[in-house]
Structures are given as C-alpha cells and as structure tokens.
Protein backbone atom coordinates (compact mmCIF):
# COMPACT_ATOMS: atom_id res chain seq x y z
CA MET A 1 -4.51 20.30 -36.36
CA TYR A 2 -6.86 21.37 -39.17
CA LEU A 3 -8.56 19.49 -41.99
CA ASN A 4 -10.89 20.92 -44.58
CA PHE A 5 -13.93 18.64 -44.78
CA ASP A 6 -15.65 20.67 -47.50
CA ASN A 7 -14.37 18.32 -50.24
CA PRO A 8 -17.38 16.13 -51.14
CA LYS A 9 -15.32 13.78 -53.32
CA GLU A 10 -13.57 12.08 -50.39
CA LYS A 11 -15.19 10.71 -47.25
CA ARG A 12 -14.15 12.27 -43.97
CA TYR A 13 -12.56 9.16 -42.52
CA LEU A 14 -10.36 8.86 -45.62
CA GLN A 15 -9.21 12.47 -45.21
CA VAL A 16 -8.20 11.69 -41.63
CA TYR A 17 -6.53 8.47 -42.81
CA HIS A 18 -4.51 10.27 -45.50
CA TYR A 19 -3.53 13.04 -43.08
CA TYR A 20 -1.99 10.66 -40.56
CA ARG A 21 -0.51 8.38 -43.21
CA GLU A 22 1.37 11.37 -44.66
CA LEU A 23 2.68 12.32 -41.22
CA ILE A 24 3.93 8.76 -40.68
CA GLU A 25 5.52 8.41 -44.13
CA GLU A 26 7.32 11.73 -43.76
CA GLY A 27 8.67 10.71 -40.35
CA LYS A 28 6.80 13.42 -38.46
CA LEU A 29 5.16 10.62 -36.51
CA LYS A 30 7.85 8.09 -35.65
CA ALA A 31 7.82 4.44 -34.64
CA LYS A 32 6.42 3.88 -31.12
CA ASP A 33 4.81 7.36 -31.04
CA LYS A 34 1.36 7.25 -29.50
CA MET A 35 -1.54 8.42 -31.65
CA PRO A 36 -4.07 10.91 -30.25
CA SER A 37 -6.95 9.13 -28.57
CA ILE A 38 -10.10 8.70 -30.63
CA ARG A 39 -11.97 11.03 -28.25
CA ARG A 40 -9.32 13.77 -28.44
CA CYS A 41 -8.99 13.56 -32.23
CA ALA A 42 -12.78 13.73 -32.65
CA ASP A 43 -12.99 16.76 -30.36
CA GLU A 44 -10.19 18.62 -32.15
CA LEU A 45 -11.60 17.96 -35.63
CA LYS A 46 -15.21 18.35 -34.51
CA ILE A 47 -16.24 15.08 -36.14
CA SER A 48 -17.75 11.88 -34.78
CA ARG A 49 -15.71 9.27 -32.95
CA THR A 50 -16.95 6.69 -35.46
CA THR A 51 -15.29 8.63 -38.28
CA VAL A 52 -11.97 8.76 -36.41
CA GLU A 53 -12.22 5.11 -35.45
CA SER A 54 -12.79 4.13 -39.11
CA ALA A 55 -9.68 6.08 -40.12
CA TYR A 56 -7.61 4.42 -37.37
CA LEU A 57 -8.86 0.97 -38.33
CA GLN A 58 -7.82 1.62 -41.94
CA LEU A 59 -4.37 2.79 -40.77
CA ALA A 60 -4.07 -0.36 -38.68
CA ALA A 61 -5.19 -2.56 -41.59
CA ASP A 62 -2.49 -1.02 -43.77
CA GLY A 63 0.15 -1.56 -41.10
CA TYR A 64 0.81 2.07 -40.17
CA ILE A 65 -0.41 1.79 -36.59
CA LEU A 66 -1.31 -0.95 -34.12
CA SER A 67 -3.70 -1.15 -31.21
CA ARG A 68 -2.54 -1.99 -27.71
CA PRO A 69 -5.33 -3.08 -25.33
CA GLN A 70 -6.11 -0.57 -22.59
CA SER A 71 -3.44 1.78 -23.98
CA GLY A 72 -4.37 3.12 -27.42
CA TYR A 73 -2.86 3.22 -30.91
CA TYR A 74 0.86 3.42 -31.64
CA VAL A 75 2.86 4.08 -34.83
CA THR A 76 4.59 0.94 -36.11
CA GLY A 77 7.25 2.61 -38.26
CA PHE A 78 6.24 0.27 -41.10
CA GLY A 79 5.27 3.13 -43.40
CA THR A 80 8.29 5.35 -42.74
CA LYS A 81 10.26 5.96 -45.91
CA PRO A 82 13.67 4.23 -45.54
CA VAL A 83 16.74 6.41 -45.20
CA SER A 84 19.24 5.61 -47.92
CA GLN A 85 22.40 3.94 -46.65
CA LYS A 86 25.87 4.19 -48.07
CA GLN A 87 26.71 1.17 -50.16
CA SER A 88 29.86 -0.87 -49.74
CA PRO A 89 32.55 -0.31 -52.39
CA ALA A 90 32.17 -3.86 -53.71
CA PHE A 91 28.45 -3.41 -54.29
CA SER A 92 28.89 0.07 -55.77
CA GLU A 93 31.36 -1.19 -58.36
CA SER A 94 29.01 -3.88 -59.64
CA ARG A 95 25.87 -1.74 -59.46
CA VAL A 96 23.97 -1.09 -62.69
CA LEU A 97 23.39 2.61 -63.27
CA TYR A 98 21.26 2.28 -66.40
CA SER A 99 19.20 -0.83 -67.08
CA PHE A 100 17.68 -1.31 -70.53
CA SER A 101 16.52 -4.77 -69.44
CA HIS A 102 12.94 -5.84 -70.19
CA SER A 103 12.82 -8.02 -67.06
CA GLY A 104 12.63 -5.11 -64.63
CA THR A 105 9.74 -2.85 -63.71
CA ASP A 106 9.58 0.88 -63.16
CA ARG A 107 8.57 1.54 -59.56
CA GLU A 108 6.06 4.20 -60.68
CA SER A 109 4.19 1.60 -62.73
CA PHE A 110 2.84 -0.21 -59.69
CA ARG A 111 0.73 0.99 -56.78
CA PHE A 112 2.39 -0.75 -53.86
CA ASP A 113 0.06 0.90 -51.36
CA LEU A 114 -3.02 -0.51 -53.12
CA TRP A 115 -1.64 -4.04 -53.50
CA ARG A 116 -0.45 -3.99 -49.88
CA ARG A 117 -4.01 -3.31 -48.81
CA TYR A 118 -5.30 -6.41 -50.62
CA ILE A 119 -2.49 -8.58 -49.26
CA LYS A 120 -3.33 -7.49 -45.73
CA SER A 121 -6.99 -8.19 -46.36
CA ALA A 122 -6.07 -11.71 -47.54
CA LEU A 123 -3.96 -12.24 -44.41
CA ARG A 124 -7.04 -11.62 -42.28
CA GLN A 125 -8.71 -14.72 -43.76
CA ASP A 126 -7.14 -16.94 -41.12
CA GLU A 127 -9.18 -20.09 -41.69
CA ARG A 128 -8.47 -20.26 -45.43
CA LEU A 129 -4.75 -19.76 -44.92
CA LEU A 130 -4.55 -22.67 -42.48
CA GLU A 131 -5.10 -25.12 -45.36
CA TYR A 132 -3.12 -25.96 -48.47
CA GLY A 133 -4.29 -24.35 -51.70
CA ASN A 134 -6.39 -26.09 -54.33
CA PRO A 135 -4.06 -27.90 -56.80
CA GLN A 136 -5.93 -26.24 -59.68
CA GLY A 137 -6.09 -22.82 -58.03
CA GLU A 138 -8.60 -21.08 -55.78
CA TRP A 139 -12.14 -21.52 -57.10
CA GLU A 140 -13.11 -17.86 -56.63
CA LEU A 141 -10.07 -16.68 -58.58
CA ARG A 142 -10.81 -19.10 -61.41
CA GLN A 143 -14.35 -17.75 -61.59
CA VAL A 144 -13.06 -14.19 -61.78
CA LEU A 145 -10.43 -15.12 -64.38
CA ALA A 146 -13.05 -16.80 -66.59
CA ASP A 147 -14.98 -13.51 -66.68
CA TYR A 148 -11.81 -11.45 -67.10
CA VAL A 149 -10.42 -13.33 -70.14
CA ARG A 150 -13.86 -13.37 -71.76
CA GLN A 151 -14.14 -9.58 -71.47
CA GLN A 152 -10.52 -8.76 -72.31
CA ARG A 153 -9.58 -11.43 -74.89
CA ASN A 154 -12.90 -13.07 -75.84
CA VAL A 155 -11.55 -16.36 -74.44
CA ILE A 156 -14.65 -18.44 -73.68
CA CYS A 157 -14.07 -20.96 -70.91
CA SER A 158 -15.39 -22.19 -67.58
CA PRO A 159 -13.53 -22.06 -64.25
CA HIS A 160 -13.09 -25.83 -64.55
CA GLN A 161 -10.80 -25.31 -67.56
CA ILE A 162 -8.47 -22.88 -65.79
CA VAL A 163 -5.30 -24.04 -64.03
CA ILE A 164 -3.32 -21.58 -61.90
CA GLY A 165 0.40 -21.82 -61.17
CA ALA A 166 3.47 -19.83 -60.16
CA GLY A 167 4.69 -18.79 -63.59
CA THR A 168 4.49 -20.26 -67.08
CA GLN A 169 7.24 -22.81 -66.45
CA SER A 170 5.36 -24.44 -63.57
CA LEU A 171 2.25 -24.73 -65.76
CA LEU A 172 4.26 -26.36 -68.56
CA HIS A 173 5.40 -28.99 -66.06
CA ILE A 174 1.72 -29.84 -65.59
CA LEU A 175 0.90 -29.64 -69.30
CA CYS A 176 3.71 -31.79 -70.69
CA PRO A 177 2.54 -35.08 -69.07
CA LEU A 178 -0.85 -34.51 -70.72
CA LEU A 179 0.79 -34.50 -74.16
CA LYS A 180 2.50 -37.90 -74.19
CA SER A 181 1.10 -38.68 -77.63
CA LYS A 182 3.00 -35.70 -79.06
CA LYS A 183 6.68 -35.93 -79.98
CA THR A 184 7.79 -32.58 -81.45
CA VAL A 185 7.32 -28.99 -80.37
CA SER A 186 8.13 -25.87 -82.37
CA PHE A 187 9.11 -22.47 -80.96
CA PRO A 188 9.36 -19.18 -82.89
CA ASN A 189 13.10 -18.88 -82.15
CA PRO A 190 15.77 -20.11 -79.71
CA SER A 191 15.14 -17.22 -77.30
CA PHE A 192 12.23 -19.14 -75.71
CA VAL A 193 14.71 -20.88 -73.43
CA GLN A 194 12.50 -21.41 -70.38
CA GLY A 195 9.72 -23.04 -72.39
CA SER A 196 11.95 -25.18 -74.59
CA SER A 197 13.95 -26.37 -71.55
CA VAL A 198 10.83 -27.84 -69.94
CA PHE A 199 9.78 -29.66 -73.11
CA ALA A 200 13.34 -30.96 -73.60
CA ASP A 201 13.29 -32.34 -70.04
CA TYR A 202 10.19 -34.36 -70.95
CA GLY A 203 11.85 -35.82 -74.06
CA PHE A 204 10.23 -33.68 -76.76
CA ASP A 205 12.19 -32.90 -79.93
CA ILE A 206 12.66 -29.12 -80.10
CA HIS A 207 12.17 -27.43 -83.49
CA TYR A 208 12.01 -23.79 -84.56
CA ARG A 209 9.50 -22.26 -86.97
CA ASP A 210 8.24 -25.73 -87.93
CA LYS A 211 4.52 -25.60 -88.70
CA ASP A 212 4.42 -29.40 -89.04
CA ALA A 213 5.41 -30.03 -85.42
CA ASP A 214 2.93 -31.79 -83.13
CA ILE A 215 2.88 -28.79 -80.80
CA ILE A 216 3.24 -25.18 -81.99
CA TYR A 217 4.21 -22.72 -79.27
CA VAL A 218 3.55 -19.09 -80.23
CA SER A 219 3.43 -15.70 -78.56
CA PRO A 220 1.23 -13.72 -81.01
CA ALA A 221 1.69 -10.32 -79.33
CA HIS A 222 5.42 -10.86 -78.93
CA MET A 223 6.53 -12.28 -82.28
CA THR A 224 9.73 -10.28 -82.03
CA LYS A 225 11.38 -8.67 -79.05
CA TRP A 226 10.65 -5.22 -80.49
CA GLY A 227 6.90 -5.87 -80.48
CA GLU A 228 5.65 -7.18 -83.82
CA ILE A 229 2.15 -8.70 -83.64
CA MET A 230 0.85 -11.72 -85.56
CA PRO A 231 -1.82 -10.45 -87.99
CA VAL A 232 -5.31 -11.97 -88.03
CA SER A 233 -4.74 -13.57 -91.45
CA ARG A 234 -1.69 -15.42 -90.13
CA ARG A 235 -3.60 -16.49 -87.01
CA LEU A 236 -6.43 -17.95 -89.07
CA GLU A 237 -3.94 -19.71 -91.33
CA LEU A 238 -2.17 -21.24 -88.32
CA ILE A 239 -5.44 -22.43 -86.78
CA SER A 240 -6.55 -24.02 -90.05
CA HIS A 241 -3.20 -25.74 -90.55
CA ALA A 242 -3.12 -27.05 -86.96
CA ALA A 243 -6.67 -28.43 -87.23
CA ALA A 244 -5.88 -30.17 -90.51
CA HIS A 245 -2.74 -31.84 -89.12
CA GLY A 246 -4.00 -32.56 -85.60
CA SER A 247 -1.51 -30.18 -84.00
CA LEU A 248 -1.92 -28.43 -80.67
CA ILE A 249 -1.28 -24.68 -80.39
CA ILE A 250 0.04 -23.22 -77.16
CA GLU A 251 -0.83 -19.52 -77.14
CA ASP A 252 1.39 -17.60 -74.74
CA ASP A 253 -0.40 -14.23 -74.63
CA TYR A 254 2.67 -12.44 -73.25
CA GLU A 255 2.52 -8.62 -73.43
CA ASN A 256 -0.81 -8.55 -75.25
CA GLU A 257 -1.87 -5.87 -72.74
CA PHE A 258 0.76 -3.51 -74.16
CA VAL A 259 -0.60 -2.94 -77.66
CA TYR A 260 -0.19 0.73 -78.56
CA MET A 261 -0.18 1.19 -82.32
CA GLN A 262 -3.27 -0.80 -83.30
CA ARG A 263 -6.42 -2.29 -81.90
CA PRO A 264 -5.90 -5.59 -80.00
CA THR A 265 -6.07 -8.66 -82.24
CA PRO A 266 -8.41 -11.56 -81.34
CA SER A 267 -6.76 -14.41 -79.45
CA LEU A 268 -6.06 -17.69 -81.23
CA GLN A 269 -8.19 -19.45 -78.63
CA SER A 270 -11.25 -17.36 -79.49
CA LEU A 271 -10.68 -17.68 -83.25
CA ALA A 272 -10.39 -21.47 -82.87
CA GLY A 273 -13.58 -21.72 -80.83
CA GLY A 274 -11.64 -22.96 -77.81
CA GLU A 275 -10.51 -26.22 -79.42
CA HIS A 276 -6.91 -27.40 -80.05
CA VAL A 277 -5.49 -24.31 -78.31
CA VAL A 278 -4.03 -23.99 -74.81
CA TYR A 279 -4.24 -20.35 -73.78
CA MET A 280 -1.66 -19.08 -71.26
CA GLY A 281 -1.65 -15.76 -69.44
CA SER A 282 0.43 -14.13 -66.74
CA PHE A 283 0.26 -11.11 -64.42
CA SER A 284 4.01 -10.56 -64.07
CA ARG A 285 4.01 -7.62 -66.47
CA LEU A 286 0.76 -6.07 -65.26
CA LEU A 287 1.68 -6.31 -61.59
CA LEU A 288 5.24 -7.19 -60.56
CA PRO A 289 7.72 -9.82 -61.80
CA SER A 290 7.95 -11.10 -58.22
CA ILE A 291 4.21 -11.85 -58.12
CA ARG A 292 4.35 -15.26 -59.74
CA LEU A 293 0.75 -15.83 -60.81
CA SER A 294 0.00 -17.37 -64.20
CA PHE A 295 -2.83 -19.44 -65.59
CA MET A 296 -3.70 -21.67 -68.53
CA VAL A 297 -7.01 -22.49 -70.16
CA LEU A 298 -7.19 -26.12 -71.28
CA PRO A 299 -9.37 -27.30 -74.18
CA SER A 300 -12.09 -29.78 -73.20
CA ASP A 301 -10.18 -32.97 -74.14
CA LEU A 302 -7.07 -32.01 -72.13
CA CYS A 303 -9.27 -30.77 -69.30
CA SER A 304 -10.78 -34.24 -68.87
CA HIS A 305 -7.31 -35.78 -68.83
CA TYR A 306 -6.05 -33.20 -66.34
CA ARG A 307 -8.85 -33.88 -63.85
CA GLN A 308 -7.61 -37.46 -63.57
CA ILE A 309 -4.11 -36.43 -62.47
CA ARG A 310 -4.52 -32.98 -60.86
CA ASP A 311 -4.30 -34.33 -57.31
CA HIS A 312 -0.76 -35.53 -58.10
CA TYR A 313 0.43 -31.89 -58.14
CA ASN A 314 0.73 -29.35 -55.36
CA GLN A 315 -0.30 -25.76 -55.99
CA THR A 316 2.83 -23.67 -56.64
CA ALA A 317 1.22 -20.22 -56.48
CA SER A 318 0.77 -18.44 -53.16
CA LYS A 319 -2.74 -18.92 -51.79
CA MET A 320 -2.55 -15.52 -50.13
CA GLU A 321 -1.69 -13.79 -53.43
CA GLN A 322 -4.49 -15.68 -55.19
CA ILE A 323 -7.01 -14.40 -52.63
CA ALA A 324 -5.62 -10.87 -52.98
CA LEU A 325 -5.66 -10.96 -56.79
CA CYS A 326 -9.23 -12.26 -56.85
CA GLN A 327 -10.55 -9.24 -54.96
CA PHE A 328 -8.17 -6.92 -56.83
CA ILE A 329 -9.77 -7.97 -60.12
CA ARG A 330 -13.32 -7.93 -58.72
CA ASP A 331 -12.88 -4.32 -57.63
CA GLY A 332 -11.85 -3.34 -61.16
CA HIS A 333 -8.23 -2.50 -60.34
CA LEU A 334 -6.67 -4.88 -62.87
CA SER A 335 -8.61 -3.32 -65.75
CA SER A 336 -7.65 0.14 -64.50
CA GLN A 337 -4.02 -0.96 -64.15
CA THR A 338 -4.03 -2.30 -67.72
CA LYS A 339 -5.33 0.98 -69.17
CA ARG A 340 -2.94 3.03 -67.05
CA LEU A 341 0.11 0.95 -67.98
CA ASN A 342 -0.86 1.00 -71.63
CA ARG A 343 -0.71 4.80 -71.64
CA TYR A 344 2.28 4.91 -69.31
CA TYR A 345 4.54 2.56 -71.29
CA ALA A 346 3.44 3.96 -74.64
CA GLY A 347 4.64 7.36 -73.43
CA LYS A 348 7.86 5.94 -72.02
CA LEU A 349 8.69 4.06 -75.22
CA LYS A 350 8.11 7.23 -77.23
CA LYS A 351 10.49 9.14 -74.93
CA LEU A 352 13.13 6.42 -75.21
CA THR A 353 13.08 6.40 -79.02
CA SER A 354 13.22 10.20 -79.01
CA SER A 355 16.27 10.17 -76.71
CA LEU A 356 17.98 7.60 -78.94
CA LYS A 357 17.40 9.75 -82.03
CA ASP A 358 18.65 12.85 -80.23
CA THR A 359 21.82 11.00 -79.22
CA PHE A 360 22.60 8.77 -82.21
CA GLY A 361 21.02 10.90 -84.92
CA GLU A 362 17.64 10.99 -86.64
CA ASN A 363 18.72 8.33 -89.16
CA VAL A 364 19.63 5.75 -86.55
CA SER A 365 18.16 2.29 -87.27
CA LEU A 366 15.32 1.61 -84.82
CA LYS A 367 12.62 -1.06 -84.97
CA THR A 368 9.57 -0.55 -82.78
CA GLY A 369 6.50 -2.75 -83.14
CA ALA A 370 2.86 -2.25 -82.27
CA ALA A 371 3.21 -3.77 -78.79
CA GLY A 372 5.63 -4.27 -75.96
CA THR A 373 8.10 -2.03 -74.17
CA SER A 374 11.23 -2.43 -76.32
CA THR A 375 12.92 -1.12 -79.44
CA ALA A 376 15.70 -2.72 -81.48
CA LEU A 377 18.74 -0.51 -82.11
CA THR A 378 21.16 -1.54 -84.91
CA LEU A 379 24.60 0.05 -84.98
CA PRO A 380 27.68 -0.38 -87.16
CA CYS A 381 30.30 -1.85 -84.85
CA PRO A 382 33.86 -3.16 -85.42
CA VAL A 383 33.87 -5.40 -82.33
CA SER A 384 31.88 -8.52 -81.49
CA GLY A 385 28.64 -8.42 -79.58
CA LYS A 386 30.33 -10.02 -76.58
CA GLU A 387 32.99 -7.30 -76.50
CA PHE A 388 30.31 -4.62 -76.77
CA LEU A 389 28.43 -6.05 -73.78
CA GLU A 390 31.65 -6.16 -71.75
CA LYS A 391 32.29 -2.50 -72.49
CA ALA A 392 28.69 -1.67 -71.55
CA LYS A 393 29.10 -3.52 -68.26
CA LYS A 394 32.18 -1.45 -67.41
CA HIS A 395 30.05 1.65 -67.94
CA LYS A 396 27.44 0.08 -65.60
CA ILE A 397 24.90 -0.35 -68.38
CA GLN A 398 22.69 -3.43 -68.61
CA VAL A 399 21.67 -4.15 -72.19
CA GLU A 400 20.76 -7.25 -74.21
CA LEU A 401 22.29 -8.28 -77.53
CA LEU A 402 19.62 -9.38 -80.00
CA ASN A 403 21.93 -10.46 -82.82
CA GLU A 404 25.10 -9.51 -84.66
CA SER A 405 26.28 -9.68 -88.25
CA LYS A 406 29.49 -8.66 -89.96
CA GLY A 407 30.16 -5.08 -88.90
CA TYR A 408 26.85 -4.61 -87.04
CA VAL A 409 25.26 -5.28 -83.64
CA THR A 410 21.57 -5.10 -82.77
CA LEU A 411 20.59 -4.31 -79.20
CA ILE A 412 17.22 -4.63 -77.51
CA LEU A 413 16.48 -1.61 -75.34
CA SER A 414 13.47 -1.71 -73.02
CA CYS A 415 11.88 1.28 -71.33
CA SER A 416 10.23 -0.79 -68.61
CA ALA A 417 12.81 -0.75 -65.79
CA MET A 418 14.32 2.73 -66.13
CA PRO A 419 12.66 6.01 -65.09
CA SER A 420 12.04 8.14 -68.18
CA GLU A 421 13.94 11.14 -66.80
CA THR A 422 17.17 9.12 -66.99
CA PHE A 423 16.76 8.22 -70.69
CA PRO A 424 18.93 11.11 -72.04
CA ALA A 425 21.82 10.33 -69.67
CA ALA A 426 21.55 6.58 -70.31
CA CYS A 427 21.54 7.07 -74.09
CA ARG A 428 24.58 9.36 -73.88
CA GLU A 429 26.44 6.74 -71.84
CA LEU A 430 25.48 4.06 -74.37
CA TYR A 431 26.73 6.35 -77.13
CA LEU A 432 30.12 6.60 -75.36
CA VAL A 433 30.28 2.80 -75.16
CA TRP A 434 29.61 2.58 -78.89
CA LYS A 435 32.22 5.22 -79.72
CA SER A 436 34.82 3.45 -77.58
CA CYS A 437 34.49 0.41 -79.84
CA PHE A 438 36.14 2.36 -82.67
CA SER A 439 39.17 3.51 -80.72
CA SER A 440 40.97 1.99 -77.76
CA ASP A 441 42.03 5.52 -76.77
CA PHE A 442 38.52 6.97 -76.79
C-alpha cells in the first residue's frame, strides 16, 4: 500500500478516503470485507491515526463502510458498481435505444456522489426529521433562496414571501385559492398542460395568448420549445399592460439557467418591482427530475392572504431534501452546477445540431433558440405525425412531435437525456425512420 502525500492541493485524509473509495467501487474490496485497523493503516502509511480516522469517518458518512463496536470497520457493498443483468425479452423489446426527450437527464450532468453526501448529512439531523415540515418550507432554505434569487435573477424578496413545494403543480394548487377574484387565465400555447389542468380544476376559463386575461402565465426563457427568449422590450410591454388592466403575471422561470447565445434577461418580477408578479422557480433541471423541489415568490398582497390559510396545507416537498439543498446552496455547489451545466449543455446542443446536419444535410431546417436544450427539426414527410411516431417507436426512438402541416412534420429533439457520443448513431436511425415514410419497402 503506497500513497503519495506530496500533493499539497488535497488533504491527506481525503487522499486516503479516495484511495479506499476507489477500491470499493471497483470491487477490489467487497461487501463484508474488513477494513485495516486504524492503527495498522496509520503505521503502513506513516501518518497519524487521526488522519486515518477522519478518512474512515468520511467513508462511513458516505455509506461505503460501517463501524461495528469492538470489531472494526467493514465494507457495506453500497458503493460497488452494479453488474449489468440480462434483460427479459419483453423489456428488451420495449426499451428505448435513443431518447430525444427533454424530460430525461444525462447521467454525467449530475454529481450523484456529491448530492449523496448532503442527503446523508441531512439524515443525521435526527431531531428535525422527527417532525413534519413547515407548510411554507424550511425557514433556513427560504433564507438561502431569497439570497440566491436576488444574486441570480435580481428577484428582491424576503423569506416570508417564498413558498416551497414538490413541483410547480403543487404550488399552483396553493396559489389558485388565493386568486378567487380572477376568472380567466392565459397560457402561451396548449402545451402547458400541467398548469392549465390545475386552473381548469379550480373553474378558471383557459385562454391562449390572451393579454386581456385576468392571469397571464408566461415562461419568458422558454417561449418556444426550441429556446426562444422573451426580449426585454416585450417584458416591459407586458408588465405595463398588466398593471394598467389589473392583471396578475405568473412568471415560470423554467430553463432560464440554460441561456447560451445571449446574456440573461432580467426577470419580470425584478422589472415590475416585485408587484403583480408571482415568480416561480424549480430545481428539476439543475439537479434531477426526481428531486421535486420548486418555489414561488408571492407579491406582498397575496403573501398576506396566504399567511391566513397556509396552515390548511401540508408541505409536499421532502424535508430531508430541503435540508440537503439548503446546505448544497450555501456551500456554493448550485452556482457551480449552473455554470457547469450551462457549458455542458451548450456543447451537447452544438454536437446534436452538427450530427443532424451531417446526417440530413447542411440545408436541413433547424430552429435553435438562445436557451434550452432542444432544437426543432422540420422535414418533408408524406405520412401523418402519428404514423411517424409509430415508426420511430418501432426503431426504439423516443421523439416528440411539435406540429405538422400538409407534407411536413416538425420534431423537437433534446440533447439532455442522451450521451453525446450516441448522437451520430441516433441521428442515422432517425434518418432511416424518415426515409421509411417514403417507401413501404425501404
């Protein structure tokens, strides 16, 4: 056993930690194997027992080893990389080989090991986890979020104005009862199904692109599925119009973090001075879709109304994940993750469009906006969009139809779920699907 401790950039206990973690993940140390005693490890490496003990404690905190009283430390097998198993024929037939879906996430985009560390740290807060969560969200997280949105989006608010929930839909279920004086709500287009469904359940009349509606729901950084952004002039015009007509704006800031082609545009909430705008944010794209943590910032009048009824609602977001996210943001990891994903997805989207041009030709019709992770591909096609999707499914390709017109289909292709090295093969398979539409014998 030999470690080089001459590297001043990493503390000694972390070098020991990484050494054993690698042995465990590679299966060289297996489940139930006993770790060297702290004394023996310290003697072999010629370092202090305190250093070894710190490394072991970190391994235990991350779930790689556990301590048995009067016996020592043992490998749990938790960190061993799973051996792939053969899939059943039924599952294999329905399996998607190439997913152009925007709802998935590339595994390389998220540091599971880092998030796991914060989850385990949250689990050690026994006393807090014995109680139900605050209906409005954990106070410490709301404090951190108030600072975060001020720095990132110039959204000025206090923790008292922030409401946390498990996803945007759950927050809309809290918001709708606060808006009983409103009757109509307008969405940019019918694709906002989850939002419009909630408002419809509460008896609102659903409109589309209606600036005279009582409530105007917009997603400024996601005006189209291929990433067009609402310009500042349009934002100011919308704010002025809403103020003049007494309308409420709901600003869903979805995918604002992924703005590649231009500088980020000020939020509607900041341009409106915090009045007449409900700001909504989510961490599903920055972290993982399965981490259902979203929040909304209420203007002062709605905030007063909300405080009267907040105890009628249970908190839907995991208290443990709220505690973990709070410290995750405090330690600067969310800002780092945002910058890293911005570069990462910008590069992936560029590779995807390049693969599409290589496969379909340089003159292929592609629409790519200034934000997001998707591009719109328009192809001449003799069959309906439904038939095209059925053919794609047979080729084990998951793709979304944006729209269709006579003789053409437009597909939305996202780079988010698929590893970039598979783009050329996926585009070639999509090309074969397209070609098969012109000939039943193809």
